[in-house]
N, C-alpha and C. Protein backbone atom coordinates (compact mmCIF):
# COMPACT_ATOMS: atom_id res chain seq x y z
N MET A 1 141.80 249.80 93.96
CA MET A 1 140.76 250.63 94.61
C MET A 1 140.59 250.30 96.08
N GLY A 2 141.07 249.09 96.47
CA GLY A 2 141.02 248.80 97.88
C GLY A 2 142.10 249.57 98.67
N ARG A 3 141.77 249.92 99.87
CA ARG A 3 142.68 250.73 100.71
C ARG A 3 142.66 250.16 102.13
N ASP A 4 143.60 250.60 102.90
CA ASP A 4 143.61 250.29 104.35
C ASP A 4 142.29 250.93 104.93
N ARG A 5 141.80 250.33 105.97
CA ARG A 5 140.54 250.70 106.55
C ARG A 5 140.64 252.19 106.89
N PRO A 6 139.91 253.06 106.30
CA PRO A 6 140.05 254.55 106.64
C PRO A 6 139.29 254.95 107.89
N GLN A 7 139.58 256.09 108.34
CA GLN A 7 138.81 256.69 109.39
C GLN A 7 137.51 257.14 108.84
N LYS A 8 136.53 257.46 109.67
CA LYS A 8 135.29 258.13 109.26
C LYS A 8 135.59 259.39 108.54
N PHE A 9 134.91 259.67 107.43
CA PHE A 9 135.28 260.82 106.63
C PHE A 9 135.35 262.16 107.37
N ASP A 10 134.34 262.33 108.21
CA ASP A 10 134.30 263.62 108.92
C ASP A 10 135.30 263.79 110.03
N LYS A 11 136.07 262.74 110.27
CA LYS A 11 137.11 262.81 111.28
C LYS A 11 138.50 262.91 110.62
N LEU A 12 138.53 262.92 109.29
CA LEU A 12 139.89 263.03 108.60
C LEU A 12 140.58 264.42 108.68
N GLY A 13 139.72 265.39 108.86
CA GLY A 13 140.30 266.78 108.85
C GLY A 13 140.39 267.26 107.44
N LEU A 14 140.61 268.58 107.23
CA LEU A 14 140.61 269.12 105.95
C LEU A 14 141.69 268.51 105.02
N MET A 15 142.95 268.45 105.48
CA MET A 15 143.98 267.89 104.71
C MET A 15 143.83 266.38 104.50
N GLY A 16 143.35 265.71 105.57
CA GLY A 16 143.09 264.30 105.43
C GLY A 16 142.07 263.98 104.35
N GLN A 17 140.92 264.79 104.33
CA GLN A 17 139.92 264.58 103.32
C GLN A 17 140.51 264.90 101.89
N ARG A 18 141.33 265.96 101.83
CA ARG A 18 141.91 266.26 100.52
C ARG A 18 142.84 265.22 99.99
N ASN A 19 143.60 264.60 100.89
CA ASN A 19 144.50 263.47 100.48
C ASN A 19 143.74 262.25 100.09
N TYR A 20 142.62 262.00 100.86
CA TYR A 20 141.81 260.81 100.63
C TYR A 20 141.14 260.94 99.21
N ILE A 21 140.64 262.11 98.89
CA ILE A 21 139.99 262.35 97.64
C ILE A 21 140.98 262.18 96.46
N ARG A 22 142.19 262.65 96.68
CA ARG A 22 143.18 262.59 95.61
C ARG A 22 143.65 261.10 95.41
N GLY A 23 143.66 260.35 96.61
CA GLY A 23 144.02 258.92 96.48
C GLY A 23 142.92 258.20 95.69
N LEU A 24 141.67 258.52 95.95
CA LEU A 24 140.64 257.92 95.10
C LEU A 24 140.67 258.25 93.70
N ALA A 25 141.00 259.57 93.40
CA ALA A 25 141.14 259.97 92.05
C ALA A 25 142.20 259.14 91.29
N ASP A 26 143.27 258.88 92.00
CA ASP A 26 144.34 258.05 91.34
C ASP A 26 143.79 256.68 91.10
N SER A 27 143.07 256.05 92.05
CA SER A 27 142.63 254.66 91.90
C SER A 27 141.56 254.56 90.85
N TYR A 28 140.78 255.71 90.59
CA TYR A 28 139.83 255.61 89.50
C TYR A 28 140.41 256.17 88.21
N GLY A 29 141.66 256.44 88.13
CA GLY A 29 142.33 256.88 86.89
C GLY A 29 141.97 258.20 86.43
N ILE A 30 141.61 259.12 87.34
CA ILE A 30 141.26 260.47 86.96
C ILE A 30 142.57 261.41 86.87
N ASP A 31 142.63 262.05 85.81
CA ASP A 31 143.73 262.93 85.53
C ASP A 31 143.53 264.24 86.35
N GLN A 32 144.40 264.37 87.37
CA GLN A 32 144.22 265.59 88.28
C GLN A 32 144.78 266.82 87.72
N ASP A 33 145.59 266.74 86.66
CA ASP A 33 146.12 267.96 86.07
C ASP A 33 145.08 268.80 85.48
N GLN A 34 143.94 268.26 85.12
CA GLN A 34 142.90 269.07 84.47
C GLN A 34 142.19 269.92 85.49
N PHE A 35 142.44 269.73 86.81
CA PHE A 35 141.84 270.65 87.81
C PHE A 35 142.84 271.73 88.34
N THR A 36 143.99 271.80 87.61
CA THR A 36 144.99 272.77 88.04
C THR A 36 144.83 274.06 87.27
N ASN A 37 144.96 275.21 87.98
CA ASN A 37 144.91 276.51 87.35
C ASN A 37 146.29 276.85 86.90
N ASP A 38 146.52 276.91 85.56
CA ASP A 38 147.86 277.09 85.07
C ASP A 38 148.26 278.57 85.14
N ALA A 39 147.45 279.45 85.66
CA ALA A 39 147.82 280.88 85.72
C ALA A 39 149.02 281.02 86.60
N HIS A 40 149.09 280.24 87.67
CA HIS A 40 150.26 280.40 88.49
C HIS A 40 151.16 279.15 88.55
N GLY A 41 151.00 278.34 87.47
CA GLY A 41 151.82 277.16 87.32
C GLY A 41 151.31 276.03 88.29
N GLY A 42 150.24 276.26 88.93
CA GLY A 42 149.68 275.23 89.84
C GLY A 42 150.46 274.92 91.02
N SER A 43 151.29 275.92 91.40
CA SER A 43 152.21 275.72 92.56
C SER A 43 151.59 276.13 93.85
N ARG A 44 150.48 276.94 93.80
CA ARG A 44 149.80 277.37 94.97
C ARG A 44 148.60 276.56 95.34
N TYR A 45 148.28 276.42 96.58
CA TYR A 45 147.09 275.57 96.98
C TYR A 45 145.82 276.01 96.32
N GLU A 46 145.61 277.39 96.24
CA GLU A 46 144.40 277.88 95.68
C GLU A 46 144.35 277.73 94.18
N ASP A 47 145.47 277.31 93.57
CA ASP A 47 145.46 277.08 92.07
C ASP A 47 144.84 275.79 91.68
N PHE A 48 144.44 274.92 92.71
CA PHE A 48 143.83 273.61 92.36
C PHE A 48 142.38 273.67 92.80
N ASP A 49 141.49 273.14 91.90
CA ASP A 49 140.08 273.14 92.09
C ASP A 49 139.68 271.81 92.79
N ASP A 50 139.72 271.89 94.09
CA ASP A 50 139.44 270.68 94.89
C ASP A 50 137.98 270.32 94.84
N ASP A 51 137.09 271.32 94.73
CA ASP A 51 135.64 271.05 94.64
C ASP A 51 135.34 270.28 93.34
N ALA A 52 135.96 270.70 92.28
CA ALA A 52 135.71 269.97 90.93
C ALA A 52 136.23 268.59 90.99
N LEU A 53 137.42 268.43 91.65
CA LEU A 53 137.96 267.03 91.77
C LEU A 53 137.12 266.13 92.64
N ARG A 54 136.57 266.73 93.69
CA ARG A 54 135.72 265.92 94.55
C ARG A 54 134.44 265.53 93.76
N ALA A 55 133.92 266.46 93.02
CA ALA A 55 132.61 266.17 92.18
C ALA A 55 132.94 265.04 91.20
N ALA A 56 134.10 265.11 90.64
CA ALA A 56 134.52 264.05 89.63
C ALA A 56 134.65 262.68 90.29
N VAL A 57 135.24 262.70 91.49
CA VAL A 57 135.44 261.41 92.23
C VAL A 57 134.13 260.88 92.69
N GLU A 58 133.22 261.72 93.21
CA GLU A 58 131.87 261.23 93.63
C GLU A 58 131.08 260.71 92.44
N ASP A 59 131.25 261.26 91.24
CA ASP A 59 130.64 260.76 90.01
C ASP A 59 131.14 259.33 89.72
N ARG A 60 132.37 259.14 89.82
CA ARG A 60 132.91 257.83 89.64
C ARG A 60 132.43 256.78 90.70
N ILE A 61 132.33 257.29 91.92
CA ILE A 61 131.88 256.47 92.96
C ILE A 61 130.46 255.90 92.64
N ARG A 62 129.61 256.86 92.23
CA ARG A 62 128.23 256.42 91.92
C ARG A 62 128.14 255.43 90.78
N ASN A 63 129.20 255.28 90.00
CA ASN A 63 129.17 254.25 89.01
C ASN A 63 130.06 253.07 89.32
N ASP A 64 130.50 253.04 90.52
CA ASP A 64 131.37 251.93 90.97
C ASP A 64 130.49 250.69 91.22
N PHE A 65 130.62 249.61 90.36
CA PHE A 65 129.79 248.45 90.47
C PHE A 65 129.79 247.82 91.91
N ASP A 66 130.93 247.57 92.42
CA ASP A 66 131.09 246.87 93.72
C ASP A 66 130.43 247.67 94.81
N TYR A 67 130.65 249.03 94.77
CA TYR A 67 130.07 249.82 95.83
C TYR A 67 128.57 249.86 95.70
N ARG A 68 127.99 250.06 94.49
CA ARG A 68 126.53 250.10 94.30
C ARG A 68 125.94 248.80 94.66
N THR A 69 126.54 247.65 94.24
CA THR A 69 126.02 246.40 94.52
C THR A 69 126.02 246.02 95.98
N SER A 70 127.17 246.25 96.64
CA SER A 70 127.36 245.94 98.03
C SER A 70 126.44 246.80 98.91
N ALA A 71 126.28 248.08 98.56
CA ALA A 71 125.44 248.93 99.30
C ALA A 71 123.93 248.48 99.51
N GLN A 72 123.52 247.66 98.58
CA GLN A 72 122.10 247.11 98.58
C GLN A 72 121.96 246.06 99.74
N HIS A 73 123.15 245.53 100.18
CA HIS A 73 123.16 244.43 101.14
C HIS A 73 123.86 244.80 102.47
N MET A 74 124.28 246.06 102.60
CA MET A 74 125.02 246.47 103.85
C MET A 74 124.08 247.43 104.60
N ASP A 75 124.06 247.22 105.89
CA ASP A 75 123.25 248.09 106.77
C ASP A 75 123.90 249.48 106.80
N ASP A 76 123.05 250.47 106.75
CA ASP A 76 123.47 251.94 106.89
C ASP A 76 124.38 252.44 105.77
N ILE A 77 124.35 251.72 104.68
CA ILE A 77 125.02 252.22 103.46
C ILE A 77 124.00 252.57 102.41
N GLU A 78 124.07 253.85 102.01
CA GLU A 78 123.01 254.38 101.05
C GLU A 78 123.31 254.13 99.63
N GLY A 79 124.58 254.11 99.29
CA GLY A 79 124.86 253.91 97.93
C GLY A 79 124.70 255.16 97.03
N ASP A 80 124.69 256.36 97.65
CA ASP A 80 124.34 257.62 96.93
C ASP A 80 125.57 258.32 96.41
N GLY A 81 126.78 257.69 96.59
CA GLY A 81 127.94 258.33 96.00
C GLY A 81 128.65 259.36 96.79
N LYS A 82 128.11 259.77 97.91
CA LYS A 82 128.73 260.75 98.78
C LYS A 82 129.98 260.09 99.45
N LEU A 83 130.98 260.97 99.62
CA LEU A 83 132.23 260.43 100.17
C LEU A 83 132.06 259.87 101.60
N SER A 84 131.26 260.47 102.46
CA SER A 84 131.02 259.93 103.72
C SER A 84 130.36 258.56 103.63
N ASP A 85 129.52 258.30 102.78
CA ASP A 85 128.87 256.98 102.57
C ASP A 85 129.83 255.99 102.05
N TYR A 86 130.70 256.43 101.12
CA TYR A 86 131.71 255.50 100.50
C TYR A 86 132.71 255.11 101.55
N VAL A 87 133.13 256.02 102.34
CA VAL A 87 134.05 255.65 103.46
C VAL A 87 133.41 254.64 104.45
N ALA A 88 132.12 254.86 104.74
CA ALA A 88 131.43 253.89 105.57
C ALA A 88 131.39 252.54 104.95
N TYR A 89 131.18 252.49 103.57
CA TYR A 89 131.17 251.23 102.84
C TYR A 89 132.54 250.58 102.92
N GLN A 90 133.66 251.30 102.73
CA GLN A 90 134.98 250.70 102.79
C GLN A 90 135.26 250.17 104.27
N ARG A 91 134.87 250.86 105.24
CA ARG A 91 135.04 250.41 106.62
C ARG A 91 134.31 249.15 106.82
N GLY A 92 133.12 248.98 106.38
CA GLY A 92 132.30 247.84 106.48
C GLY A 92 132.93 246.71 105.70
N ALA A 93 133.36 247.02 104.53
CA ALA A 93 134.04 245.95 103.69
C ALA A 93 135.24 245.33 104.28
N HIS A 94 136.04 246.27 105.00
CA HIS A 94 137.20 245.69 105.73
C HIS A 94 136.80 244.62 106.71
N LYS A 95 135.71 244.94 107.49
CA LYS A 95 135.30 244.03 108.56
C LYS A 95 134.79 242.66 107.89
N LEU A 96 134.03 242.81 106.80
CA LEU A 96 133.50 241.58 106.12
C LEU A 96 134.60 240.78 105.56
N HIS A 97 135.61 241.46 104.99
CA HIS A 97 136.80 240.72 104.48
C HIS A 97 137.51 239.90 105.54
N LYS A 98 137.68 240.43 106.76
CA LYS A 98 138.26 239.78 107.84
C LYS A 98 137.34 238.67 108.43
N LYS A 99 136.05 239.00 108.45
CA LYS A 99 135.08 238.01 108.99
C LYS A 99 135.02 236.79 108.11
N ALA A 100 135.29 236.89 106.81
CA ALA A 100 135.23 235.76 105.89
C ALA A 100 136.42 234.89 105.97
N GLY A 101 137.34 235.26 106.91
CA GLY A 101 138.53 234.41 107.15
C GLY A 101 139.70 234.72 106.25
N ASN A 102 139.67 235.86 105.55
CA ASN A 102 140.78 236.22 104.65
C ASN A 102 141.93 236.84 105.42
N GLY A 103 143.14 236.37 105.15
CA GLY A 103 144.32 236.96 105.81
C GLY A 103 144.82 238.17 105.03
N GLY A 104 145.62 238.97 105.67
CA GLY A 104 146.22 240.14 104.98
C GLY A 104 145.18 241.26 105.00
N LYS A 105 145.69 242.35 104.24
CA LYS A 105 144.88 243.56 104.19
C LYS A 105 143.77 243.42 103.15
N TYR A 106 142.78 244.25 103.28
CA TYR A 106 141.71 244.45 102.31
C TYR A 106 142.28 245.52 101.35
N SER A 107 142.98 245.02 100.22
CA SER A 107 143.70 245.99 99.49
C SER A 107 143.62 245.76 98.02
N SER A 108 143.32 244.60 97.53
CA SER A 108 143.34 244.26 96.08
C SER A 108 141.96 244.30 95.46
N ILE A 109 141.92 244.30 94.19
CA ILE A 109 140.73 244.19 93.43
C ILE A 109 139.96 242.88 93.80
N LYS A 110 140.76 241.80 93.94
CA LYS A 110 140.15 240.53 94.31
C LYS A 110 139.45 240.58 95.68
N ASP A 111 140.10 241.33 96.59
CA ASP A 111 139.43 241.55 97.98
C ASP A 111 138.12 242.25 97.82
N VAL A 112 138.15 243.38 96.97
CA VAL A 112 136.89 244.12 96.80
C VAL A 112 135.74 243.26 96.23
N THR A 113 136.07 242.57 95.10
CA THR A 113 135.05 241.82 94.46
C THR A 113 134.63 240.66 95.30
N GLY A 114 135.61 240.12 96.13
CA GLY A 114 135.25 238.94 96.99
C GLY A 114 134.16 239.35 98.03
N VAL A 115 134.32 240.55 98.57
CA VAL A 115 133.32 241.00 99.51
C VAL A 115 131.96 241.18 98.81
N THR A 116 132.03 241.79 97.64
CA THR A 116 130.72 241.95 96.88
C THR A 116 130.04 240.65 96.58
N ASN A 117 130.82 239.68 96.10
CA ASN A 117 130.32 238.37 95.79
C ASN A 117 129.66 237.72 97.02
N ASN A 118 130.39 237.79 98.14
CA ASN A 118 129.87 237.22 99.40
C ASN A 118 128.51 237.76 99.83
N LEU A 119 128.45 239.14 99.67
CA LEU A 119 127.23 239.82 100.07
C LEU A 119 126.07 239.37 99.19
N VAL A 120 126.30 239.27 97.91
CA VAL A 120 125.29 238.89 96.96
C VAL A 120 124.90 237.44 97.17
N ASN A 121 125.81 236.56 97.38
CA ASN A 121 125.53 235.09 97.60
C ASN A 121 124.72 234.99 98.87
N ASP A 122 125.07 235.68 99.92
CA ASP A 122 124.38 235.63 101.18
C ASP A 122 122.87 236.09 100.98
N ALA A 123 122.77 237.16 100.24
CA ALA A 123 121.36 237.67 100.04
C ALA A 123 120.55 236.67 99.20
N GLN A 124 121.15 236.05 98.20
CA GLN A 124 120.47 234.99 97.46
C GLN A 124 120.05 233.84 98.27
N ARG A 125 120.95 233.35 99.15
CA ARG A 125 120.61 232.19 100.03
C ARG A 125 119.46 232.61 101.01
N LEU A 126 119.50 233.79 101.50
CA LEU A 126 118.47 234.25 102.41
C LEU A 126 117.07 234.24 101.71
N LEU A 127 117.17 234.78 100.41
CA LEU A 127 115.86 234.88 99.66
C LEU A 127 115.33 233.50 99.42
N LYS A 128 116.25 232.54 99.03
CA LYS A 128 115.88 231.16 98.75
C LYS A 128 115.23 230.49 99.96
N ASP A 129 115.90 230.73 101.11
CA ASP A 129 115.34 230.16 102.36
C ASP A 129 113.97 230.74 102.63
N LYS A 130 113.67 232.00 102.38
CA LYS A 130 112.39 232.51 102.60
C LYS A 130 111.34 231.94 101.65
N ILE A 131 111.75 231.79 100.41
CA ILE A 131 110.83 231.17 99.44
C ILE A 131 110.54 229.73 99.73
N ASP A 132 111.62 229.01 100.13
CA ASP A 132 111.34 227.61 100.60
C ASP A 132 110.41 227.50 101.78
N ALA A 133 110.62 228.45 102.72
CA ALA A 133 109.74 228.35 103.94
C ALA A 133 108.32 228.67 103.55
N LEU A 134 108.09 229.68 102.68
CA LEU A 134 106.75 229.93 102.23
C LEU A 134 106.18 228.78 101.48
N SER A 135 106.91 228.15 100.68
CA SER A 135 106.42 226.96 99.90
C SER A 135 106.10 225.82 100.80
N THR A 136 106.86 225.60 101.91
CA THR A 136 106.60 224.52 102.81
C THR A 136 105.37 224.78 103.58
N ASN A 137 105.09 226.05 104.01
CA ASN A 137 103.92 226.49 104.72
C ASN A 137 102.66 226.23 103.82
N ASP A 138 102.79 226.60 102.50
CA ASP A 138 101.64 226.45 101.59
C ASP A 138 101.38 224.95 101.45
N ASP A 139 102.40 224.07 101.35
CA ASP A 139 102.14 222.71 101.17
C ASP A 139 101.48 222.12 102.36
N GLU A 140 101.95 222.52 103.59
CA GLU A 140 101.32 222.02 104.82
C GLU A 140 99.88 222.43 104.87
N GLN A 141 99.56 223.65 104.55
CA GLN A 141 98.20 224.17 104.63
C GLN A 141 97.30 223.40 103.59
N THR A 142 97.87 223.13 102.44
CA THR A 142 97.12 222.45 101.34
C THR A 142 96.90 220.99 101.81
N ASN A 143 97.90 220.35 102.33
CA ASN A 143 97.74 218.96 102.78
C ASN A 143 96.69 218.82 103.87
N THR A 144 96.67 219.80 104.75
CA THR A 144 95.75 219.77 105.86
C THR A 144 94.33 219.98 105.34
N SER A 145 94.19 220.75 104.30
CA SER A 145 92.82 221.11 103.81
C SER A 145 92.26 219.98 103.02
N ILE A 146 93.10 219.07 102.41
CA ILE A 146 92.58 218.01 101.50
C ILE A 146 92.77 216.67 102.16
N THR A 147 93.54 216.51 103.22
CA THR A 147 93.69 215.21 103.79
C THR A 147 92.82 215.07 104.99
N PRO A 148 91.94 214.08 104.99
CA PRO A 148 91.03 213.84 106.12
C PRO A 148 91.80 213.51 107.35
N ASP A 149 91.31 213.92 108.48
CA ASP A 149 91.83 213.53 109.78
C ASP A 149 91.40 212.12 110.11
N LEU A 150 92.23 211.14 109.99
CA LEU A 150 91.83 209.76 110.25
C LEU A 150 91.50 209.50 111.69
N THR A 151 91.86 210.39 112.58
CA THR A 151 91.48 210.14 113.96
C THR A 151 90.05 210.53 114.31
N ASP A 152 89.33 211.21 113.45
CA ASP A 152 87.98 211.56 113.65
C ASP A 152 87.11 210.28 113.60
N GLU A 153 86.01 210.27 114.37
CA GLU A 153 85.05 209.15 114.38
C GLU A 153 84.31 209.08 113.10
N PRO A 154 83.96 207.93 112.68
CA PRO A 154 83.18 207.73 111.35
C PRO A 154 81.87 208.51 111.50
N TYR A 155 81.39 208.96 110.33
CA TYR A 155 80.21 209.78 110.26
C TYR A 155 79.03 208.84 110.60
N GLU A 156 78.11 209.38 111.43
CA GLU A 156 76.88 208.72 111.76
C GLU A 156 75.69 209.61 111.60
N LYS A 157 74.71 209.07 111.02
CA LYS A 157 73.47 209.88 110.82
C LYS A 157 72.77 210.15 112.14
N SER A 158 72.16 211.36 112.18
CA SER A 158 71.47 211.69 113.42
C SER A 158 70.21 210.92 113.57
N PRO A 159 69.69 210.75 114.74
CA PRO A 159 68.44 210.02 114.93
C PRO A 159 67.31 210.63 114.09
N GLU A 160 67.27 211.97 114.04
CA GLU A 160 66.21 212.63 113.26
C GLU A 160 66.29 212.29 111.83
N LEU A 161 67.52 212.26 111.24
CA LEU A 161 67.66 211.92 109.83
C LEU A 161 67.23 210.50 109.60
N ARG A 162 67.59 209.53 110.49
CA ARG A 162 67.22 208.19 110.28
C ARG A 162 65.69 207.99 110.34
N LYS A 163 65.02 208.73 111.20
CA LYS A 163 63.56 208.63 111.31
C LYS A 163 62.94 209.08 110.05
N GLN A 164 63.39 210.23 109.49
CA GLN A 164 62.81 210.81 108.24
C GLN A 164 63.05 209.81 107.01
N GLU A 165 64.23 209.20 107.04
CA GLU A 165 64.50 208.26 105.94
C GLU A 165 63.60 207.04 106.00
N ASP A 166 63.38 206.56 107.32
CA ASP A 166 62.45 205.41 107.44
C ASP A 166 60.99 205.76 107.04
N ILE A 167 60.54 206.94 107.41
CA ILE A 167 59.18 207.32 107.03
C ILE A 167 59.01 207.36 105.50
N LEU A 168 60.00 207.98 104.80
CA LEU A 168 60.00 208.14 103.40
C LEU A 168 60.12 206.76 102.72
N ALA A 169 60.93 205.85 103.27
CA ALA A 169 61.05 204.50 102.71
C ALA A 169 59.73 203.70 102.78
N ASN A 170 59.03 203.88 103.93
CA ASN A 170 57.77 203.15 104.09
C ASN A 170 56.73 203.63 103.11
N TRP A 171 56.74 204.99 102.95
CA TRP A 171 55.74 205.57 102.02
C TRP A 171 55.98 205.12 100.63
N GLU A 172 57.22 205.08 100.21
CA GLU A 172 57.51 204.82 98.82
C GLU A 172 57.15 203.33 98.60
N GLU A 173 57.33 202.46 99.60
CA GLU A 173 57.04 201.05 99.54
C GLU A 173 55.58 200.76 99.31
N GLY A 174 54.77 201.54 100.14
CA GLY A 174 53.38 201.23 100.16
C GLY A 174 52.48 202.16 99.35
N TYR A 175 52.83 203.41 99.18
CA TYR A 175 51.94 204.36 98.49
C TYR A 175 52.54 205.24 97.49
N GLY A 176 53.83 205.00 97.18
CA GLY A 176 54.54 205.88 96.29
C GLY A 176 53.96 205.93 94.87
N ALA A 177 53.62 204.85 94.38
CA ALA A 177 53.14 204.72 92.90
C ALA A 177 51.67 204.85 92.85
N GLY A 178 51.10 206.00 92.43
CA GLY A 178 49.65 206.20 92.23
C GLY A 178 48.88 206.34 93.52
N GLY A 179 49.56 206.45 94.64
CA GLY A 179 48.79 206.60 95.92
C GLY A 179 48.89 207.96 96.49
N ASN A 180 48.77 208.11 97.77
CA ASN A 180 48.82 209.36 98.47
C ASN A 180 50.20 210.04 98.30
N LEU A 181 50.12 211.33 98.01
CA LEU A 181 51.33 212.05 97.68
C LEU A 181 52.16 212.45 98.89
N SER A 182 51.62 212.38 100.06
CA SER A 182 52.31 212.79 101.30
C SER A 182 52.83 211.48 102.03
N PRO A 183 54.08 211.49 102.42
CA PRO A 183 54.49 210.35 103.22
C PRO A 183 54.17 210.38 104.70
N TYR A 184 53.65 211.60 105.11
CA TYR A 184 53.30 211.79 106.54
C TYR A 184 51.84 211.48 106.90
N LYS A 185 51.57 211.00 108.07
CA LYS A 185 50.22 210.84 108.56
C LYS A 185 49.91 211.90 109.58
N SER A 186 48.72 211.97 110.04
CA SER A 186 48.35 213.08 110.92
C SER A 186 49.02 212.93 112.27
N SER A 187 49.28 211.73 112.76
CA SER A 187 49.98 211.58 114.05
C SER A 187 51.52 211.40 113.72
N PHE A 188 52.07 212.55 113.35
CA PHE A 188 53.51 212.55 112.91
C PHE A 188 54.46 211.98 113.99
N GLN A 189 54.30 212.49 115.23
CA GLN A 189 55.16 212.10 116.24
C GLN A 189 55.12 210.53 116.50
N ASP A 190 53.97 209.91 116.42
CA ASP A 190 53.89 208.51 116.59
C ASP A 190 54.71 207.78 115.53
N MET A 191 54.51 208.14 114.27
CA MET A 191 55.19 207.44 113.20
C MET A 191 56.68 207.73 113.26
N ALA A 192 57.03 208.91 113.70
CA ALA A 192 58.59 209.25 113.78
C ALA A 192 59.24 208.26 114.74
N PHE A 193 58.56 207.96 115.81
CA PHE A 193 59.20 207.13 116.89
C PHE A 193 58.87 205.64 116.56
N ASN A 194 57.99 205.41 115.63
CA ASN A 194 57.67 204.00 115.31
C ASN A 194 57.51 203.91 113.80
N PRO A 195 58.59 203.92 113.09
CA PRO A 195 58.53 203.94 111.62
C PRO A 195 58.05 202.61 111.08
N ALA A 196 57.99 201.59 111.77
CA ALA A 196 57.55 200.30 111.31
C ALA A 196 56.02 200.22 111.26
N GLU A 197 55.36 201.17 111.92
CA GLU A 197 53.95 201.22 111.91
C GLU A 197 53.33 201.39 110.54
N ALA A 198 52.25 200.66 110.25
CA ALA A 198 51.69 200.74 108.90
C ALA A 198 51.16 202.11 108.69
N ASN A 199 51.37 202.63 107.47
CA ASN A 199 50.90 203.92 107.10
C ASN A 199 49.38 203.85 106.92
N PRO A 200 48.63 204.70 107.69
CA PRO A 200 47.15 204.58 107.60
C PRO A 200 46.56 205.24 106.42
N TYR A 201 47.34 205.96 105.64
CA TYR A 201 46.70 206.50 104.46
C TYR A 201 46.30 205.44 103.50
N ARG A 202 45.29 205.75 102.80
CA ARG A 202 44.70 204.83 101.82
C ARG A 202 44.81 205.54 100.46
N ALA A 203 44.97 204.83 99.43
CA ALA A 203 45.03 205.46 98.14
C ALA A 203 43.70 206.10 97.80
N THR A 204 43.80 207.34 97.16
CA THR A 204 42.57 208.02 96.81
C THR A 204 42.78 208.69 95.56
N THR A 205 41.76 208.80 94.75
CA THR A 205 41.70 209.54 93.44
C THR A 205 40.86 210.81 93.63
N ASP A 206 40.20 211.01 94.76
CA ASP A 206 39.36 212.15 95.03
C ASP A 206 40.33 213.36 95.38
N VAL A 207 40.37 214.37 94.51
CA VAL A 207 41.24 215.48 94.69
C VAL A 207 40.88 216.19 95.93
N ASN A 208 39.61 216.53 96.17
CA ASN A 208 39.13 217.27 97.28
C ASN A 208 39.52 216.57 98.59
N GLU A 209 39.30 215.30 98.62
CA GLU A 209 39.58 214.51 99.81
C GLU A 209 41.11 214.56 100.08
N PHE A 210 41.94 214.47 99.01
CA PHE A 210 43.32 214.50 99.21
C PHE A 210 43.76 215.82 99.77
N VAL A 211 43.21 216.92 99.18
CA VAL A 211 43.62 218.28 99.58
C VAL A 211 43.29 218.54 101.07
N ASN A 212 41.98 218.15 101.48
CA ASN A 212 41.69 218.35 102.82
C ASN A 212 42.47 217.53 103.82
N ASN A 213 42.68 216.31 103.47
CA ASN A 213 43.56 215.45 104.30
C ASN A 213 45.00 216.02 104.46
N TYR A 214 45.50 216.46 103.28
CA TYR A 214 46.86 217.01 103.31
C TYR A 214 46.97 218.31 104.11
N LYS A 215 45.98 219.12 104.11
CA LYS A 215 45.98 220.36 104.92
C LYS A 215 45.93 219.99 106.39
N ASN A 216 45.05 219.02 106.70
CA ASN A 216 44.96 218.66 108.11
C ASN A 216 46.23 218.01 108.57
N ASP A 217 46.87 217.29 107.71
CA ASP A 217 48.16 216.63 108.11
C ASP A 217 49.17 217.77 108.43
N LEU A 218 49.25 218.80 107.56
CA LEU A 218 50.22 219.89 107.80
C LEU A 218 50.00 220.50 109.14
N LYS A 219 48.68 220.79 109.49
CA LYS A 219 48.35 221.46 110.73
C LYS A 219 48.83 220.62 111.88
N ASP A 220 48.61 219.24 111.75
CA ASP A 220 49.05 218.40 112.90
C ASP A 220 50.55 218.29 112.97
N VAL A 221 51.23 218.19 111.86
CA VAL A 221 52.66 218.02 111.84
C VAL A 221 53.34 219.27 112.49
N PHE A 222 52.96 220.42 111.95
CA PHE A 222 53.66 221.69 112.31
C PHE A 222 52.94 222.42 113.43
N GLN A 223 51.76 221.85 113.87
CA GLN A 223 51.04 222.44 114.99
C GLN A 223 50.73 223.92 114.82
N PHE A 224 50.19 224.20 113.58
CA PHE A 224 49.73 225.55 113.28
C PHE A 224 48.64 226.03 114.19
N THR A 225 48.72 227.31 114.63
CA THR A 225 47.67 227.82 115.44
C THR A 225 47.28 229.22 114.85
N PRO A 226 46.08 229.55 114.80
CA PRO A 226 45.60 230.86 114.25
C PRO A 226 46.13 231.99 115.05
N THR A 227 46.50 233.08 114.41
CA THR A 227 46.92 234.28 115.09
C THR A 227 46.01 235.41 114.68
N ILE A 228 45.93 236.38 115.53
CA ILE A 228 45.05 237.58 115.22
C ILE A 228 45.99 238.69 114.83
N ALA A 229 45.77 239.18 113.67
CA ALA A 229 46.59 240.20 113.07
C ALA A 229 46.37 241.48 113.84
């Protein structure tokens, strides 16, 4: 089925195209006698159905494994079975055969299947490289997301957080059990900057006293001011 590198199909001319089609018919094992009009013994040009032979050849081309497979991996090759496309495939295959370092002509079945195998193997390697690259990128992103940056400075609590923790600790130590329910005193700013200062709250069981003190504390802490609606 392999042939010397042909010219582009549209440059073969009428007789050149006719001879090329008949050569393909022979390589595909098509019996050309069935396209002869026996009325005149098949001796005249018009007694042969060239269009029917061309259709039969193109049908075989569409089912040519090497052509269909190679077409998937060759630029500008459609794989649609048209003679012009098949000629372009053959011309490209000749180049690839030579590029692979093979000597001699592109002419045997081994040459044809060799080009097909090389194209498939190259496509598989390219796909594997892409998959490996994607996998590597995913691993790098995952490692970055779960691996702490050891160059960062150790975590330190803010001054505000440390002040609040000290206030809460002092309250729990002196008044937490059965005492005043609020850890804050009316002079919040003073205690915040001096957490060691004794908590001035005294334990109380008078609910009204506790509520009034607690509301006053909130006003002092958050500096609530009345607004006119």
